[in-house]
C-alpha atoms as a PDB file:
ATOM      1  CA  UNK A   1       0.000  -0.014  -0.011  1.00  0.00           C
ATOM      2  CA  UNK A   2       1.509   3.312  -1.052  1.00  0.00           C
ATOM      3  CA  UNK A   3       1.230   6.704   0.542  1.00  0.00           C
ATOM      4  CA  UNK A   4      -1.611   7.886  -1.714  1.00  0.00           C
ATOM      5  CA  UNK A   5      -3.763   4.827  -0.932  1.00  0.00           C
ATOM      6  CA  UNK A   6      -3.260   5.333   2.810  1.00  0.00           C
ATOM      7  CA  UNK A   7      -4.236   8.991   2.511  1.00  0.00           C
ATOM      8  CA  UNK A   8      -7.278   8.094   0.437  1.00  0.00           C
ATOM      9  CA  UNK A   9      -8.430   5.487   2.922  1.00  0.00           C
ATOM     10  CA  UNK A  10      -7.898   7.905   5.814  1.00  0.00           C
ATOM     11  CA  UNK A  11      -9.975  10.585   4.080  1.00  0.00           C
ATOM     12  CA  UNK A  12     -12.816   8.101   3.570  1.00  0.00           C
ATOM     13  CA  UNK A  13     -12.741   7.114   7.240  1.00  0.00           C
ATOM     14  CA  UNK A  14     -12.776  10.759   8.352  1.00  0.00           C
ATOM     15  CA  UNK A  15     -15.304  11.667   5.647  1.00  0.00           C
ATOM     16  CA  UNK A  16     -13.033  14.425   4.387  1.00  0.00           C
ATOM     17  CA  UNK A  17     -12.991  16.105   7.831  1.00  0.00           C
ATOM     18  CA  UNK A  18      -9.895  17.990   8.741  1.00  0.00           C
ATOM     19  CA  UNK A  19      -8.262  16.578  11.883  1.00  0.00           C
ATOM     20  CA  UNK A  20      -7.399  20.076  13.174  1.00  0.00           C
ATOM     21  CA  UNK A  21     -10.998  21.169  12.611  1.00  0.00           C
ATOM     22  CA  UNK A  22     -12.307  18.125  14.472  1.00  0.00           C
ATOM     23  CA  UNK A  23      -9.977  18.764  17.419  1.00  0.00           C
ATOM     24  CA  UNK A  24     -10.882  22.443  17.493  1.00  0.00           C
ATOM     25  CA  UNK A  25     -14.582  21.587  17.466  1.00  0.00           C
ATOM     26  CA  UNK A  26     -14.051  19.148  20.349  1.00  0.00           C
ATOM     27  CA  UNK A  27     -12.173  21.752  22.376  1.00  0.00           C
ATOM     28  CA  UNK A  28     -14.793  24.403  21.648  1.00  0.00           C
ATOM     29  CA  UNK A  29     -17.541  22.056  22.850  1.00  0.00           C
ATOM     30  CA  UNK A  30     -15.570  21.238  25.968  1.00  0.00           C
ATOM     31  CA  UNK A  31     -15.050  24.904  26.822  1.00  0.00           C
ATOM     32  CA  UNK A  32     -18.690  25.722  25.993  1.00  0.00           C
ATOM     33  CA  UNK A  33     -19.770  23.011  28.427  1.00  0.00           C
ATOM     34  CA  UNK A  34     -17.684  24.521  31.197  1.00  0.00           C
ATOM     35  CA  UNK A  35     -19.017  28.010  30.494  1.00  0.00           C
ATOM     36  CA  UNK A  36     -22.556  26.619  30.525  1.00  0.00           C
ATOM     37  CA  UNK A  37     -21.997  24.956  33.885  1.00  0.00           C
ATOM     38  CA  UNK A  38     -20.511  28.182  35.273  1.00  0.00           C
ATOM     39  CA  UNK A  39     -23.507  30.184  34.084  1.00  0.00           C
ATOM     40  CA  UNK A  40     -25.913  27.667  35.645  1.00  0.00           C
ATOM     41  CA  UNK A  41     -24.067  27.987  38.935  1.00  0.00           C
ATOM     42  CA  UNK A  42     -24.114  31.800  38.782  1.00  0.00           C
ATOM     43  CA  UNK A  43     -27.808  31.941  37.939  1.00  0.00           C
ATOM     44  CA  UNK A  44     -28.639  29.459  40.694  1.00  0.00           C
ATOM     45  CA  UNK A  45     -26.586  31.284  43.313  1.00  0.00           C
ATOM     46  CA  UNK A  46     -27.903  34.703  42.373  1.00  0.00           C
ATOM     47  CA  UNK A  47     -31.507  33.431  42.374  1.00  0.00           C
ATOM     48  CA  UNK A  48     -30.961  31.829  45.794  1.00  0.00           C
ATOM     49  CA  UNK A  49     -29.512  35.028  47.217  1.00  0.00           C
ATOM     50  CA  UNK A  50     -32.186  37.317  45.788  1.00  0.00           C
ATOM     51  CA  UNK A  51     -35.284  35.134  46.208  1.00  0.00           C
ATOM     52  CA  UNK A  52     -34.447  32.509  48.845  1.00  0.00           C
ATOM     53  CA  UNK A  53     -35.531  29.856  46.337  1.00  0.00           C
ATOM     54  CA  UNK A  54     -33.601  27.387  44.246  1.00  0.00           C
ATOM     55  CA  UNK A  55     -33.920  27.701  40.501  1.00  0.00           C
ATOM     56  CA  UNK A  56     -33.514  24.504  38.514  1.00  0.00           C
ATOM     57  CA  UNK A  57     -34.510  25.517  34.984  1.00  0.00           C
ATOM     58  CA  UNK A  58     -30.957  26.258  33.759  1.00  0.00           C
ATOM     59  CA  UNK A  59     -29.864  22.828  35.010  1.00  0.00           C
ATOM     60  CA  UNK A  60     -32.682  21.115  33.055  1.00  0.00           C
ATOM     61  CA  UNK A  61     -31.341  22.632  29.859  1.00  0.00           C
ATOM     62  CA  UNK A  62     -27.700  21.931  30.775  1.00  0.00           C
ATOM     63  CA  UNK A  63     -28.288  18.258  31.649  1.00  0.00           C
ATOM     64  CA  UNK A  64     -30.466  17.809  28.545  1.00  0.00           C
ATOM     65  CA  UNK A  65     -27.592  19.081  26.383  1.00  0.00           C
ATOM     66  CA  UNK A  66     -25.074  16.832  28.117  1.00  0.00           C
ATOM     67  CA  UNK A  67     -27.365  13.824  27.932  1.00  0.00           C
ATOM     68  CA  UNK A  68     -27.865  14.353  24.220  1.00  0.00           C
ATOM     69  CA  UNK A  69     -24.136  14.817  23.661  1.00  0.00           C
ATOM     70  CA  UNK A  70     -23.287  11.545  25.428  1.00  0.00           C
ATOM     71  CA  UNK A  71     -26.122   9.702  23.686  1.00  0.00           C
ATOM     72  CA  UNK A  72     -24.787  10.728  20.297  1.00  0.00           C
ATOM     73  CA  UNK A  73     -21.336   9.560  21.372  1.00  0.00           C
ATOM     74  CA  UNK A  74     -22.875   6.205  22.296  1.00  0.00           C
ATOM     75  CA  UNK A  75     -24.682   5.921  18.971  1.00  0.00           C
ATOM     76  CA  UNK A  76     -21.502   6.725  17.042  1.00  0.00           C
ATOM     77  CA  UNK A  77     -18.913   4.836  19.124  1.00  0.00           C
ATOM     78  CA  UNK A  78     -21.029   2.080  20.703  1.00  0.00           C
ATOM     79  CA  UNK A  79     -19.350   2.417  24.096  1.00  0.00           C
ATOM     80  CA  UNK A  80     -21.592   1.256  26.934  1.00  0.00           C
ATOM     81  CA  UNK A  81     -20.057   3.742  29.339  1.00  0.00           C
ATOM     82  CA  UNK A  82     -21.278   6.578  27.064  1.00  0.00           C
ATOM     83  CA  UNK A  83     -24.793   5.135  27.248  1.00  0.00           C
ATOM     84  CA  UNK A  84     -24.621   4.958  31.037  1.00  0.00           C
ATOM     85  CA  UNK A  85     -23.433   8.572  31.322  1.00  0.00           C
ATOM     86  CA  UNK A  86     -26.122   9.756  28.890  1.00  0.00           C
ATOM     87  CA  UNK A  87     -28.846   7.984  30.844  1.00  0.00           C
ATOM     88  CA  UNK A  88     -27.643   9.571  34.087  1.00  0.00           C
ATOM     89  CA  UNK A  89     -27.722  13.072  32.583  1.00  0.00           C
ATOM     90  CA  UNK A  90     -31.119  12.478  30.957  1.00  0.00           C
ATOM     91  CA  UNK A  91     -32.491  11.123  34.285  1.00  0.00           C
ATOM     92  CA  UNK A  92     -31.194  14.240  36.074  1.00  0.00           C
ATOM     93  CA  UNK A  93     -32.877  16.445  33.495  1.00  0.00           C
ATOM     94  CA  UNK A  94     -36.177  14.578  33.923  1.00  0.00           C
ATOM     95  CA  UNK A  95     -36.031  14.712  37.741  1.00  0.00           C
ATOM     96  CA  UNK A  96     -35.270  18.439  37.648  1.00  0.00           C
ATOM     97  CA  UNK A  97     -38.073  18.955  35.142  1.00  0.00           C
ATOM     98  CA  UNK A  98     -40.475  17.336  37.581  1.00  0.00           C
ATOM     99  CA  UNK A  99     -39.125  19.534  40.377  1.00  0.00           C
ATOM    100  CA  UNK A 100     -39.625  22.614  38.157  1.00  0.00           C
ATOM    101  CA  UNK A 101     -43.221  21.676  37.388  1.00  0.00           C
ATOM    102  CA  UNK A 102     -43.918  21.135  41.076  1.00  0.00           C
ATOM    103  CA  UNK A 103     -42.401  24.510  41.890  1.00  0.00           C
ATOM    104  CA  UNK A 104     -44.533  26.202  39.248  1.00  0.00           C
ATOM    105  CA  UNK A 105     -47.702  24.571  40.553  1.00  0.00           C
ATOM    106  CA  UNK A 106     -46.921  25.715  44.054  1.00  0.00           C
ATOM    107  CA  UNK A 107     -46.087  22.325  45.588  1.00  0.00           C
ATOM    108  CA  UNK A 108     -43.360  22.296  48.234  1.00  0.00           C
ATOM    109  CA  UNK A 109     -40.236  20.569  46.999  1.00  0.00           C
END
């Protein structure tokens, strides 16, 4: 197998994606996740200080995003650990959604 065949096969596997672009996209997603978590913390702390109540709505969105991200990883890579992590995040999002609905309906949580 010569150099050109190896490059051609590699391009097919990567579907013509640039490796640097893929790495940059991964890093951007990683940083965006950290910024998202930081914003959820800030919103939750500020809401607690100003209203004496816990606010869970940002966390519902955050855990939904994380759950979807890990589920896509599982679908693409078929790693069982990715499925487990995605189910944990999705379960957290569902539990917090239920808490949010109870808060909106006036039930004590």
